Amino acid sequence: MASSDVTGRLLSAGALRDDRNLFTKHNTYRVGISPVQGRRRLAPSRRIGQLTARCLASSISPTSSSSSMLSFPSGDESAQSTKCVLVVGATGGVGQLVVAALIDRGYKTCVVVRDTNKAASVFGETNMDKMQVFVGDTRNMGGIEPAAWEGVTHVICCTGTTAFPSKRWDGDNTPENTDWHGVRNLIDSVPKSVQRFVLVSSVGVTKFNQLPWNIMNLFGVLKYKKMGEEYLCKSGIPFTIIRAGRLTDGPYTSYDLNTLLKATAGTRRCVVLGQGDKLVGEVSRIVVAEACIQALDIQCTCGNIYEINSVEGDGPGTDNKKWEILFTEACPS
């Protein structure tokens, strides 16, 4: 493909997480296996109360068959009940799926949101008492109140914005403020009790000076995501980084919790994991959300960075053992 064609497609796409896939090849391991003083409470009307690595991926469709539907089983409730997961970016395309799955599987779930009204519209008023909600903004130093960290053992950060100027930049929500300052401020506020920090990032962050990635990086989104990654790696906090390809499926806005749980995988359930920032392609938000949750319980993911795509075929679903195989096979021996 000529570089001018690449440039045109990137610029017309308008956003990193929605840019069209420019590549079709991948060089990766693949496996084909099938939330007091400080605790902010809102008024009742507003309270937010794993070979081919393959998983889920297509669109919300309540009428889809159960075999293609995301299910979130309770699993080992005793193990999950010892975890308290703080989700930042909870109302975003990946974050809302993470929250829905955590709650359904019995995890204690806390969320940090900027806009409680948006949270209520995403999760539904009747589900707000199933999570603890804190109003905060990671773009500001001290933007998360200390009380939000009480009891938290794990963190999943799904914050992000568009690569190119858009309405989502309103309120100074730029890549620099969201992907760099926000991630840095969040990391600085993490207490020593946190056992794992899972960060959602992007493929291409190590190549932001190369074509075609430098076009996507015109406003610094890949550079700032890489800076956030590096800050986490040097922080001493046990981490896992999930670099997503171009995001598909969703975001699912204005749905309640029960509808989010019916998000379907369609036919793109096969998960492809890679390392070394060689993987290109696209990935379902459903797959990314599942990878983040699975990483909480799989020890080999600690200290590792993975790229993730989803393609046609069956995948691991919510099977922890299959995900462990995938993550293990993706790591160099």
C-alpha atoms as a PDB file:
ATOM      1  CA  MET A   1       0.000   0.000   0.000  1.00  0.00           C
ATOM      2  CA  ALA A   2       1.358   3.407  -0.919  1.00  0.00           C
ATOM      3  CA  SER A   3       2.196   5.685   1.983  1.00  0.00           C
ATOM      4  CA  SER A   4      -0.244   8.294   0.649  1.00  0.00           C
ATOM      5  CA  ASP A   5      -3.032   5.732   0.808  1.00  0.00           C
ATOM      6  CA  VAL A   6      -2.021   4.826   4.336  1.00  0.00           C
ATOM      7  CA  THR A   7      -2.013   8.498   5.308  1.00  0.00           C
ATOM      8  CA  GLY A   8      -5.428   9.088   3.813  1.00  0.00           C
ATOM      9  CA  ARG A   9      -6.997   6.154   5.581  1.00  0.00           C
ATOM     10  CA  LEU A  10      -5.485   7.111   8.914  1.00  0.00           C
ATOM     11  CA  LEU A  11      -6.547  10.733   8.706  1.00  0.00           C
ATOM     12  CA  SER A  12     -10.063   9.854   7.607  1.00  0.00           C
ATOM     13  CA  ALA A  13     -10.421   7.366  10.476  1.00  0.00           C
ATOM     14  CA  GLY A  14     -10.180  10.191  13.021  1.00  0.00           C
ATOM     15  CA  ALA A  15      -9.296   8.234  16.158  1.00  0.00           C
ATOM     16  CA  LEU A  16      -6.747   5.688  17.311  1.00  0.00           C
ATOM     17  CA  ARG A  17      -9.237   3.236  18.748  1.00  0.00           C
ATOM     18  CA  ASP A  18     -11.389   3.453  15.621  1.00  0.00           C
ATOM     19  CA  ASP A  19      -8.705   3.612  12.891  1.00  0.00           C
ATOM     20  CA  ARG A  20      -9.163   0.967  10.260  1.00  0.00           C
ATOM     21  CA  ASN A  21      -6.809  -1.983  10.218  1.00  0.00           C
ATOM     22  CA  LEU A  22      -4.080  -1.357   7.669  1.00  0.00           C
ATOM     23  CA  PHE A  23      -2.457  -4.734   8.007  1.00  0.00           C
ATOM     24  CA  THR A  24      -3.452  -8.345   7.598  1.00  0.00           C
ATOM     25  CA  LYS A  25      -0.404 -10.296   8.730  1.00  0.00           C
ATOM     26  CA  HIS A  26       0.667 -11.075  12.265  1.00  0.00           C
ATOM     27  CA  ASN A  27       3.775 -12.648  13.705  1.00  0.00           C
ATOM     28  CA  THR A  28       2.608 -14.058  17.014  1.00  0.00           C
ATOM     29  CA  TYR A  29       1.897 -17.104  19.109  1.00  0.00           C
ATOM     30  CA  ARG A  30      -1.602 -18.373  18.346  1.00  0.00           C
ATOM     31  CA  VAL A  31      -3.635 -21.005  20.083  1.00  0.00           C
ATOM     32  CA  GLY A  32      -6.885 -22.485  18.901  1.00  0.00           C
ATOM     33  CA  ILE A  33      -8.710 -23.253  22.100  1.00  0.00           C
ATOM     34  CA  SER A  34     -12.001 -23.481  22.219  1.00  0.00           C
ATOM     35  CA  PRO A  35     -15.604  -2.153  45.147  1.00  0.00           C
ATOM     36  CA  VAL A  36     -17.165   6.814  55.631  1.00  0.00           C
ATOM     37  CA  GLN A  37     -15.395   9.746  55.646  1.00  0.00           C
ATOM     38  CA  GLY A  38     -14.207  10.118  52.159  1.00  0.00           C
ATOM     39  CA  ARG A  39     -16.428   7.406  50.709  1.00  0.00           C
ATOM     40  CA  ARG A  40     -18.586   9.476  48.514  1.00  0.00           C
ATOM     41  CA  ARG A  41     -22.221   8.453  48.488  1.00  0.00           C
ATOM     42  CA  LEU A  42     -24.634   9.969  46.033  1.00  0.00           C
ATOM     43  CA  ALA A  43     -28.276  10.691  46.583  1.00  0.00           C
ATOM     44  CA  PRO A  44     -30.432   7.647  45.712  1.00  0.00           C
ATOM     45  CA  SER A  45     -31.418   9.129  42.374  1.00  0.00           C
ATOM     46  CA  ARG A  46     -27.756   9.483  41.285  1.00  0.00           C
ATOM     47  CA  ARG A  47     -25.829   6.813  43.223  1.00  0.00           C
ATOM     48  CA  ILE A  48     -23.629   4.558  41.217  1.00  0.00           C
ATOM     49  CA  GLY A  49     -24.236   2.450  44.005  1.00  0.00           C
ATOM     50  CA  GLN A  50      -5.203 -19.146  25.791  1.00  0.00           C
ATOM     51  CA  LEU A  51      -1.630 -23.522  19.629  1.00  0.00           C
ATOM     52  CA  THR A  52      -4.133 -20.122  18.568  1.00  0.00           C
ATOM     53  CA  ALA A  53      -5.026 -17.595  21.230  1.00  0.00           C
ATOM     54  CA  ARG A  54      -8.627 -16.759  20.625  1.00  0.00           C
ATOM     55  CA  CYS A  55     -11.612 -15.279  22.501  1.00  0.00           C
ATOM     56  CA  LEU A  56     -14.795 -13.256  21.822  1.00  0.00           C
ATOM     57  CA  ALA A  57     -15.756 -10.415  19.487  1.00  0.00           C
ATOM     58  CA  SER A  58     -18.673  -8.797  17.579  1.00  0.00           C
ATOM     59  CA  SER A  59     -21.708  -6.802  18.702  1.00  0.00           C
ATOM     60  CA  ILE A  60     -24.345  -6.481  21.377  1.00  0.00           C
ATOM     61  CA  SER A  61     -27.353  -8.446  20.286  1.00  0.00           C
ATOM     62  CA  PRO A  62     -29.750  -9.717  22.947  1.00  0.00           C
ATOM     63  CA  THR A  63     -31.354 -11.974  20.370  1.00  0.00           C
ATOM     64  CA  SER A  64     -28.118 -13.793  19.550  1.00  0.00           C
ATOM     65  CA  SER A  65     -27.813 -17.450  20.418  1.00  0.00           C
ATOM     66  CA  SER A  66     -26.469 -18.295  23.848  1.00  0.00           C
ATOM     67  CA  SER A  67     -23.439 -20.009  22.344  1.00  0.00           C
ATOM     68  CA  SER A  68     -22.147 -16.678  21.027  1.00  0.00           C
ATOM     69  CA  MET A  69     -23.079 -14.717  24.117  1.00  0.00           C
ATOM     70  CA  LEU A  70     -20.677 -13.511  26.756  1.00  0.00           C
ATOM     71  CA  SER A  71     -21.384 -15.332  29.997  1.00  0.00           C
ATOM     72  CA  PHE A  72     -19.859 -14.284  33.268  1.00  0.00           C
ATOM     73  CA  PRO A  73     -19.997 -17.258  35.659  1.00  0.00           C
ATOM     74  CA  SER A  74     -19.400 -16.863  39.366  1.00  0.00           C
ATOM     75  CA  GLY A  75     -16.347 -19.115  39.359  1.00  0.00           C
ATOM     76  CA  ASP A  76     -14.354 -19.512  42.586  1.00  0.00           C
ATOM     77  CA  GLU A  77     -16.295 -17.117  44.743  1.00  0.00           C
ATOM     78  CA  SER A  78     -13.999 -17.547  47.744  1.00  0.00           C
ATOM     79  CA  ALA A  79     -10.940 -16.476  45.732  1.00  0.00           C
ATOM     80  CA  GLN A  80     -12.748 -13.608  44.060  1.00  0.00           C
ATOM     81  CA  SER A  81     -14.225 -12.344  47.311  1.00  0.00           C
ATOM     82  CA  THR A  82     -10.704 -11.626  48.568  1.00  0.00           C
ATOM     83  CA  LYS A  83     -10.129  -9.210  45.687  1.00  0.00           C
ATOM     84  CA  CYS A  84     -11.324  -5.629  45.479  1.00  0.00           C
ATOM     85  CA  VAL A  85     -10.804  -4.244  41.990  1.00  0.00           C
ATOM     86  CA  LEU A  86     -10.705  -0.524  41.269  1.00  0.00           C
ATOM     87  CA  VAL A  87     -11.656   0.252  37.655  1.00  0.00           C
ATOM     88  CA  VAL A  88     -10.602   3.613  36.226  1.00  0.00           C
ATOM     89  CA  GLY A  89     -12.223   4.619  32.953  1.00  0.00           C
ATOM     90  CA  ALA A  90     -15.244   2.563  34.002  1.00  0.00           C
ATOM     91  CA  THR A  91     -17.744   4.183  31.629  1.00  0.00           C
ATOM     92  CA  GLY A  92     -15.588   3.788  28.523  1.00  0.00           C
ATOM     93  CA  GLY A  93     -15.995   1.111  25.877  1.00  0.00           C
ATOM     94  CA  VAL A  94     -13.720  -1.431  27.575  1.00  0.00           C
ATOM     95  CA  GLY A  95     -14.249  -0.233  31.152  1.00  0.00           C
ATOM     96  CA  GLN A  96     -17.997  -0.791  31.196  1.00  0.00           C
ATOM     97  CA  LEU A  97     -17.548  -4.397  30.069  1.00  0.00           C
ATOM     98  CA  VAL A  98     -14.884  -4.942  32.740  1.00  0.00           C
ATOM     99  CA  VAL A  99     -17.196  -3.586  35.451  1.00  0.00           C
ATOM    100  CA  ALA A 100     -20.165  -5.684  34.353  1.00  0.00           C
ATOM    101  CA  ALA A 101     -18.114  -8.883  34.328  1.00  0.00           C
ATOM    102  CA  LEU A 102     -16.405  -8.207  37.679  1.00  0.00           C
ATOM    103  CA  ILE A 103     -19.715  -7.610  39.427  1.00  0.00           C
ATOM    104  CA  ASP A 104     -21.340 -10.657  37.883  1.00  0.00           C
ATOM    105  CA  ARG A 105     -18.428 -12.869  38.929  1.00  0.00           C
ATOM    106  CA  GLY A 106     -18.584 -11.730  42.531  1.00  0.00           C
ATOM    107  CA  TYR A 107     -15.603  -9.384  42.705  1.00  0.00           C
ATOM    108  CA  LYS A 108     -15.823  -6.427  45.054  1.00  0.00           C
ATOM    109  CA  THR A 109     -15.824  -3.588  42.552  1.00  0.00           C
ATOM    110  CA  CYS A 110     -14.990   0.097  42.905  1.00  0.00           C
ATOM    111  CA  VAL A 111     -15.127   2.575  40.072  1.00  0.00           C
ATOM    112  CA  VAL A 112     -13.724   6.062  39.579  1.00  0.00           C
ATOM    113  CA  VAL A 113     -15.782   8.221  37.234  1.00  0.00           C
ATOM    114  CA  ARG A 114     -15.811  11.880  36.251  1.00  0.00           C
ATOM    115  CA  ASP A 115     -19.524  11.969  35.435  1.00  0.00           C
ATOM    116  CA  THR A 116     -21.984  10.158  37.691  1.00  0.00           C
ATOM    117  CA  ASN A 117     -24.868  10.773  35.304  1.00  0.00           C
ATOM    118  CA  LYS A 118     -23.030   8.975  32.530  1.00  0.00           C
ATOM    119  CA  ALA A 119     -22.286   6.094  34.868  1.00  0.00           C
ATOM    120  CA  ALA A 120     -25.947   5.821  35.807  1.00  0.00           C
ATOM    121  CA  SER A 121     -26.972   5.769  32.147  1.00  0.00           C
ATOM    122  CA  VAL A 122     -24.395   3.095  31.291  1.00  0.00           C
ATOM    123  CA  PHE A 123     -24.999   0.728  34.195  1.00  0.00           C
ATOM    124  CA  GLY A 124     -28.601   1.552  35.088  1.00  0.00           C
ATOM    125  CA  GLU A 125     -29.845   3.124  38.310  1.00  0.00           C
ATOM    126  CA  THR A 126     -30.899  -0.223  39.769  1.00  0.00           C
ATOM    127  CA  ASN A 127     -27.349  -1.593  39.525  1.00  0.00           C
ATOM    128  CA  MET A 128     -25.535   1.266  41.223  1.00  0.00           C
ATOM    129  CA  ASP A 129     -25.599  -0.354  44.650  1.00  0.00           C
ATOM    130  CA  LYS A 130     -23.605  -3.292  43.274  1.00  0.00           C
ATOM    131  CA  MET A 131     -20.425  -1.196  43.094  1.00  0.00           C
ATOM    132  CA  GLN A 132     -18.768   1.561  45.062  1.00  0.00           C
ATOM    133  CA  VAL A 133     -18.468   4.770  43.130  1.00  0.00           C
ATOM    134  CA  PHE A 134     -16.011   7.596  43.600  1.00  0.00           C
ATOM    135  CA  VAL A 135     -16.013  10.841  41.685  1.00  0.00           C
ATOM    136  CA  GLY A 136     -12.470  11.602  40.562  1.00  0.00           C
ATOM    137  CA  ASP A 137     -10.259  12.761  37.716  1.00  0.00           C
ATOM    138  CA  THR A 138      -6.856  11.194  37.196  1.00  0.00           C
ATOM    139  CA  ARG A 139      -5.793  14.143  35.036  1.00  0.00           C
ATOM    140  CA  ASN A 140      -5.439  16.153  38.256  1.00  0.00           C
ATOM    141  CA  MET A 141      -2.823  15.431  40.899  1.00  0.00           C
ATOM    142  CA  GLY A 142      -4.669  14.062  43.896  1.00  0.00           C
ATOM    143  CA  GLY A 143      -7.698  13.558  41.678  1.00  0.00           C
ATOM    144  CA  ILE A 144      -8.579  10.294  43.425  1.00  0.00           C
ATOM    145  CA  GLU A 145      -9.423  10.667  47.109  1.00  0.00           C
ATOM    146  CA  PRO A 146      -7.439   8.388  49.475  1.00  0.00           C
ATOM    147  CA  ALA A 147     -10.635   6.713  50.702  1.00  0.00           C
ATOM    148  CA  ALA A 148     -11.123   5.219  47.227  1.00  0.00           C
ATOM    149  CA  TRP A 149      -8.111   2.995  47.871  1.00  0.00           C
ATOM    150  CA  GLU A 150      -9.454   1.412  51.084  1.00  0.00           C
ATOM    151  CA  GLY A 151      -9.332  -2.348  50.620  1.00  0.00           C
ATOM    152  CA  VAL A 152      -8.314  -2.198  46.949  1.00  0.00           C
ATOM    153  CA  THR A 153      -6.095  -5.107  45.901  1.00  0.00           C
ATOM    154  CA  HIS A 154      -6.135  -4.776  42.106  1.00  0.00           C
ATOM    155  CA  VAL A 155      -6.448  -1.971  39.540  1.00  0.00           C
ATOM    156  CA  ILE A 156      -7.638  -2.047  35.934  1.00  0.00           C
ATOM    157  CA  CYS A 157      -7.017   1.210  34.045  1.00  0.00           C
ATOM    158  CA  CYS A 158      -9.051   1.612  30.844  1.00  0.00           C
ATOM    159  CA  THR A 159      -8.751   5.363  30.344  1.00  0.00           C
ATOM    160  CA  GLY A 160      -8.170   6.850  26.907  1.00  0.00           C
ATOM    161  CA  THR A 161      -9.246   9.380  24.332  1.00  0.00           C
ATOM    162  CA  THR A 162      -9.160   9.772  20.555  1.00  0.00           C
ATOM    163  CA  ALA A 163      -5.921  10.109  18.608  1.00  0.00           C
ATOM    164  CA  PHE A 164      -7.166  13.097  16.621  1.00  0.00           C
ATOM    165  CA  PRO A 165      -9.095  16.147  17.827  1.00  0.00           C
ATOM    166  CA  SER A 166     -12.737  15.295  18.450  1.00  0.00           C
ATOM    167  CA  LYS A 167     -15.594  16.083  20.798  1.00  0.00           C
ATOM    168  CA  ARG A 168     -13.994  13.718  23.283  1.00  0.00           C
ATOM    169  CA  TRP A 169     -11.203  16.260  23.689  1.00  0.00           C
ATOM    170  CA  ASP A 170     -13.679  18.657  25.314  1.00  0.00           C
ATOM    171  CA  GLY A 171     -12.612  19.639  28.824  1.00  0.00           C
ATOM    172  CA  ASP A 172      -8.933  19.284  27.921  1.00  0.00           C
ATOM    173  CA  ASN A 173      -9.280  15.522  27.528  1.00  0.00           C
ATOM    174  CA  THR A 174      -6.263  15.311  25.215  1.00  0.00           C
ATOM    175  CA  PRO A 175      -3.883  12.365  24.800  1.00  0.00           C
ATOM    176  CA  GLU A 176      -1.233  14.148  26.867  1.00  0.00           C
ATOM    177  CA  ASN A 177      -3.595  14.751  29.770  1.00  0.00           C
ATOM    178  CA  THR A 178      -5.355  11.398  29.628  1.00  0.00           C
ATOM    179  CA  ASP A 179      -2.712   8.904  28.526  1.00  0.00           C
ATOM    180  CA  TRP A 180       0.289  10.508  30.209  1.00  0.00           C
ATOM    181  CA  HIS A 181      -0.612  12.844  33.085  1.00  0.00           C
ATOM    182  CA  GLY A 182      -3.670  10.806  34.022  1.00  0.00           C
ATOM    183  CA  VAL A 183      -1.877   7.461  34.042  1.00  0.00           C
ATOM    184  CA  ARG A 184       1.104   8.923  35.900  1.00  0.00           C
ATOM    185  CA  ASN A 185      -1.110  10.520  38.555  1.00  0.00           C
ATOM    186  CA  LEU A 186      -3.000   7.271  39.014  1.00  0.00           C
ATOM    187  CA  ILE A 187       0.213   5.276  39.426  1.00  0.00           C
ATOM    188  CA  ASP A 188       1.548   7.793  41.954  1.00  0.00           C
ATOM    189  CA  SER A 189      -1.563   7.342  44.090  1.00  0.00           C
ATOM    190  CA  VAL A 190      -1.496   3.530  44.179  1.00  0.00           C
ATOM    191  CA  PRO A 191      -0.896   2.157  47.712  1.00  0.00           C
ATOM    192  CA  LYS A 192       1.549  -0.654  48.434  1.00  0.00           C
ATOM    193  CA  SER A 193      -1.319  -3.011  49.138  1.00  0.00           C
ATOM    194  CA  VAL A 194      -2.168  -3.240  45.409  1.00  0.00           C
ATOM    195  CA  GLN A 195      -1.149  -6.646  44.087  1.00  0.00           C
ATOM    196  CA  ARG A 196      -1.594  -6.016  40.354  1.00  0.00           C
ATOM    197  CA  PHE A 197      -2.101  -3.025  38.051  1.00  0.00           C
ATOM    198  CA  VAL A 198      -3.498  -3.872  34.615  1.00  0.00           C
ATOM    199  CA  LEU A 199      -3.135  -1.093  32.043  1.00  0.00           C
ATOM    200  CA  VAL A 200      -4.895  -1.012  28.673  1.00  0.00           C
ATOM    201  CA  SER A 201      -2.602   0.542  26.069  1.00  0.00           C
ATOM    202  CA  SER A 202      -2.210   0.297  22.289  1.00  0.00           C
ATOM    203  CA  VAL A 203      -0.227  -1.542  19.656  1.00  0.00           C
ATOM    204  CA  GLY A 204       2.304   0.649  17.847  1.00  0.00           C
ATOM    205  CA  VAL A 205       3.528   2.571  20.896  1.00  0.00           C
ATOM    206  CA  THR A 206       7.148   1.598  20.305  1.00  0.00           C
ATOM    207  CA  LYS A 207       6.946   2.675  16.652  1.00  0.00           C
ATOM    208  CA  PHE A 208       5.379   6.118  16.910  1.00  0.00           C
ATOM    209  CA  ASN A 209       8.228   7.643  14.858  1.00  0.00           C
ATOM    210  CA  GLN A 210       7.731   5.192  11.986  1.00  0.00           C
ATOM    211  CA  LEU A 211       5.230   5.113   9.131  1.00  0.00           C
ATOM    212  CA  PRO A 212       2.316   4.730   9.344  1.00  0.00           C
ATOM    213  CA  TRP A 213       2.300   5.021  13.126  1.00  0.00           C
ATOM    214  CA  ASN A 214       3.769   8.532  13.081  1.00  0.00           C
ATOM    215  CA  ILE A 215       0.633   9.695  11.289  1.00  0.00           C
ATOM    216  CA  MET A 216      -1.541   8.210  13.981  1.00  0.00           C
ATOM    217  CA  ASN A 217       0.788   9.877  16.474  1.00  0.00           C
ATOM    218  CA  LEU A 218       0.397  13.387  15.004  1.00  0.00           C
ATOM    219  CA  PHE A 219      -1.075  14.592  18.305  1.00  0.00           C
ATOM    220  CA  GLY A 220       1.102  12.352  20.463  1.00  0.00           C
ATOM    221  CA  VAL A 221      -1.311   9.598  21.462  1.00  0.00           C
ATOM    222  CA  LEU A 222       1.131   6.722  20.948  1.00  0.00           C
ATOM    223  CA  LYS A 223       4.021   8.633  22.491  1.00  0.00           C
ATOM    224  CA  TYR A 224       1.993   9.471  25.601  1.00  0.00           C
ATOM    225  CA  LYS A 225       0.699   5.926  25.956  1.00  0.00           C
ATOM    226  CA  LYS A 226       4.283   4.682  25.806  1.00  0.00           C
ATOM    227  CA  MET A 227       5.304   7.195  28.467  1.00  0.00           C
ATOM    228  CA  GLY A 228       2.508   5.893  30.675  1.00  0.00           C
ATOM    229  CA  GLU A 229       3.665   2.322  30.116  1.00  0.00           C
ATOM    230  CA  GLU A 230       7.257   3.159  30.988  1.00  0.00           C
ATOM    231  CA  TYR A 231       6.215   4.989  34.148  1.00  0.00           C
ATOM    232  CA  LEU A 232       4.257   1.940  35.290  1.00  0.00           C
ATOM    233  CA  CYS A 233       7.137  -0.419  34.487  1.00  0.00           C
ATOM    234  CA  LYS A 234       9.506   1.661  36.616  1.00  0.00           C
ATOM    235  CA  SER A 235       7.045   2.178  39.491  1.00  0.00           C
ATOM    236  CA  GLY A 236       7.723  -1.084  41.311  1.00  0.00           C
ATOM    237  CA  ILE A 237       4.011  -1.958  41.165  1.00  0.00           C
ATOM    238  CA  PRO A 238       3.270  -5.490  39.905  1.00  0.00           C
ATOM    239  CA  PHE A 239       1.810  -4.853  36.459  1.00  0.00           C
ATOM    240  CA  THR A 240       0.390  -6.317  33.278  1.00  0.00           C
ATOM    241  CA  ILE A 241       0.005  -4.207  30.131  1.00  0.00           C
ATOM    242  CA  ILE A 242      -2.514  -5.138  27.434  1.00  0.00           C
ATOM    243  CA  ARG A 243      -1.835  -3.387  24.117  1.00  0.00           C
ATOM    244  CA  ALA A 244      -5.009  -3.489  22.075  1.00  0.00           C
ATOM    245  CA  GLY A 245      -5.281  -3.399  18.306  1.00  0.00           C
ATOM    246  CA  ARG A 246      -7.953  -1.283  16.639  1.00  0.00           C
ATOM    247  CA  LEU A 247     -10.979  -1.625  18.888  1.00  0.00           C
ATOM    248  CA  THR A 248     -14.215  -3.079  17.538  1.00  0.00           C
ATOM    249  CA  ASP A 249     -17.595  -3.933  19.107  1.00  0.00           C
ATOM    250  CA  GLY A 250     -19.031  -0.968  20.917  1.00  0.00           C
ATOM    251  CA  PRO A 251     -18.618   1.197  22.764  1.00  0.00           C
ATOM    252  CA  TYR A 252     -21.921   0.192  24.280  1.00  0.00           C
ATOM    253  CA  THR A 253     -23.415   3.426  25.510  1.00  0.00           C
ATOM    254  CA  SER A 254     -26.772   3.877  27.232  1.00  0.00           C
ATOM    255  CA  TYR A 255     -27.136   0.214  28.155  1.00  0.00           C
ATOM    256  CA  ASP A 256     -27.777  -1.177  31.597  1.00  0.00           C
ATOM    257  CA  LEU A 257     -25.649  -3.790  33.327  1.00  0.00           C
ATOM    258  CA  ASN A 258     -27.805  -6.712  32.246  1.00  0.00           C
ATOM    259  CA  THR A 259     -27.579  -5.676  28.608  1.00  0.00           C
ATOM    260  CA  LEU A 260     -23.797  -5.377  28.823  1.00  0.00           C
ATOM    261  CA  LEU A 261     -23.696  -8.977  30.023  1.00  0.00           C
ATOM    262  CA  LYS A 262     -25.387 -10.001  26.777  1.00  0.00           C
ATOM    263  CA  ALA A 263     -22.649  -8.560  24.571  1.00  0.00           C
ATOM    264  CA  THR A 264     -21.921 -11.168  21.943  1.00  0.00           C
ATOM    265  CA  ALA A 265     -18.688 -12.420  20.468  1.00  0.00           C
ATOM    266  CA  GLY A 266     -20.032 -13.140  17.025  1.00  0.00           C
ATOM    267  CA  THR A 267     -17.566 -15.211  15.007  1.00  0.00           C
ATOM    268  CA  ARG A 268     -14.389 -13.326  15.975  1.00  0.00           C
ATOM    269  CA  ARG A 269     -13.713 -15.164  19.240  1.00  0.00           C
ATOM    270  CA  CYS A 270     -10.183 -16.352  18.477  1.00  0.00           C
ATOM    271  CA  VAL A 271      -7.629 -14.467  20.576  1.00  0.00           C
ATOM    272  CA  VAL A 272      -4.200 -13.711  19.157  1.00  0.00           C
ATOM    273  CA  LEU A 273      -1.534 -12.657  21.650  1.00  0.00           C
ATOM    274  CA  GLY A 274       1.919 -11.327  20.830  1.00  0.00           C
ATOM    275  CA  GLN A 275       4.873  -9.536  22.367  1.00  0.00           C
ATOM    276  CA  GLY A 276       7.447  -7.081  21.082  1.00  0.00           C
ATOM    277  CA  ASP A 277       4.886  -4.771  19.444  1.00  0.00           C
ATOM    278  CA  LYS A 278       4.821  -6.844  16.247  1.00  0.00           C
ATOM    279  CA  LEU A 279       1.111  -7.578  16.253  1.00  0.00           C
ATOM    280  CA  VAL A 280      -1.239  -5.452  14.145  1.00  0.00           C
ATOM    281  CA  GLY A 281      -4.913  -5.803  13.468  1.00  0.00           C
ATOM    282  CA  GLU A 282      -8.109  -5.323  15.400  1.00  0.00           C
ATOM    283  CA  VAL A 283      -9.632  -6.660  18.591  1.00  0.00           C
ATOM    284  CA  SER A 284     -13.032  -6.767  20.183  1.00  0.00           C
ATOM    285  CA  ARG A 285     -13.513  -4.627  23.275  1.00  0.00           C
ATOM    286  CA  ILE A 286     -15.073  -7.746  24.790  1.00  0.00           C
ATOM    287  CA  VAL A 287     -11.802  -9.630  24.321  1.00  0.00           C
ATOM    288  CA  VAL A 288      -9.743  -6.807  25.825  1.00  0.00           C
ATOM    289  CA  ALA A 289     -12.018  -6.654  28.877  1.00  0.00           C
ATOM    290  CA  GLU A 290     -11.752 -10.411  29.363  1.00  0.00           C
ATOM    291  CA  ALA A 291      -7.956 -10.344  29.027  1.00  0.00           C
ATOM    292  CA  CYS A 292      -7.732  -7.669  31.744  1.00  0.00           C
ATOM    293  CA  ILE A 293      -9.824  -9.705  34.171  1.00  0.00           C
ATOM    294  CA  GLN A 294      -8.009 -12.956  33.433  1.00  0.00           C
ATOM    295  CA  ALA A 295      -4.633 -11.271  34.003  1.00  0.00           C
ATOM    296  CA  LEU A 296      -5.627 -10.603  37.621  1.00  0.00           C
ATOM    297  CA  ASP A 297      -5.400 -14.319  38.414  1.00  0.00           C
ATOM    298  CA  ILE A 298      -2.639 -15.539  36.077  1.00  0.00           C
ATOM    299  CA  GLN A 299       0.770 -15.126  37.666  1.00  0.00           C
ATOM    300  CA  CYS A 300       2.808 -15.418  34.473  1.00  0.00           C
ATOM    301  CA  THR A 301       1.296 -12.162  33.214  1.00  0.00           C
ATOM    302  CA  CYS A 302       2.946 -10.184  36.022  1.00  0.00           C
ATOM    303  CA  GLY A 303       5.642  -7.895  34.620  1.00  0.00           C
ATOM    304  CA  ASN A 304       4.688  -8.666  31.026  1.00  0.00           C
ATOM    305  CA  ILE A 305       3.356  -6.660  28.095  1.00  0.00           C
ATOM    306  CA  TYR A 306       1.073  -8.280  25.546  1.00  0.00           C
ATOM    307  CA  GLU A 307      -0.430  -7.209  22.244  1.00  0.00           C
ATOM    308  CA  ILE A 308      -3.894  -8.594  21.579  1.00  0.00           C
ATOM    309  CA  ASN A 309      -6.104  -9.123  18.511  1.00  0.00           C
ATOM    310  CA  SER A 310      -9.203 -11.200  17.857  1.00  0.00           C
ATOM    311  CA  VAL A 311      -9.952 -13.028  14.627  1.00  0.00           C
ATOM    312  CA  GLU A 312     -12.429 -15.516  13.206  1.00  0.00           C
ATOM    313  CA  GLY A 313     -12.747 -18.748  15.163  1.00  0.00           C
ATOM    314  CA  ASP A 314     -13.473 -20.166  18.571  1.00  0.00           C
ATOM    315  CA  GLY A 315     -11.668 -18.871  21.625  1.00  0.00           C
ATOM    316  CA  PRO A 316     -11.090 -19.427  25.336  1.00  0.00           C
ATOM    317  CA  GLY A 317     -14.216 -17.597  26.450  1.00  0.00           C
ATOM    318  CA  THR A 318     -13.972 -17.147  30.201  1.00  0.00           C
ATOM    319  CA  ASP A 319     -11.928 -20.314  30.813  1.00  0.00           C
ATOM    320  CA  ASN A 320      -9.035 -19.324  33.095  1.00  0.00           C
ATOM    321  CA  LYS A 321      -6.912 -22.356  32.226  1.00  0.00           C
ATOM    322  CA  LYS A 322      -7.153 -21.681  28.483  1.00  0.00           C
ATOM    323  CA  TRP A 323      -6.205 -18.049  29.048  1.00  0.00           C
ATOM    324  CA  GLU A 324      -3.239 -19.157  31.134  1.00  0.00           C
ATOM    325  CA  ILE A 325      -2.044 -21.307  28.242  1.00  0.00           C
ATOM    326  CA  LEU A 326      -2.384 -18.375  25.881  1.00  0.00           C
ATOM    327  CA  PHE A 327      -0.483 -15.950  28.084  1.00  0.00           C
ATOM    328  CA  THR A 328       2.219 -18.544  28.783  1.00  0.00           C
ATOM    329  CA  GLU A 329       2.682 -19.445  25.116  1.00  0.00           C
ATOM    330  CA  ALA A 330       2.974 -15.779  24.146  1.00  0.00           C
ATOM    331  CA  CYS A 331       5.956 -15.267  26.456  1.00  0.00           C
ATOM    332  CA  PRO A 332       9.453 -16.053  25.184  1.00  0.00           C
ATOM    333  CA  SER A 333      10.902 -19.235  26.637  1.00  0.00           C
END
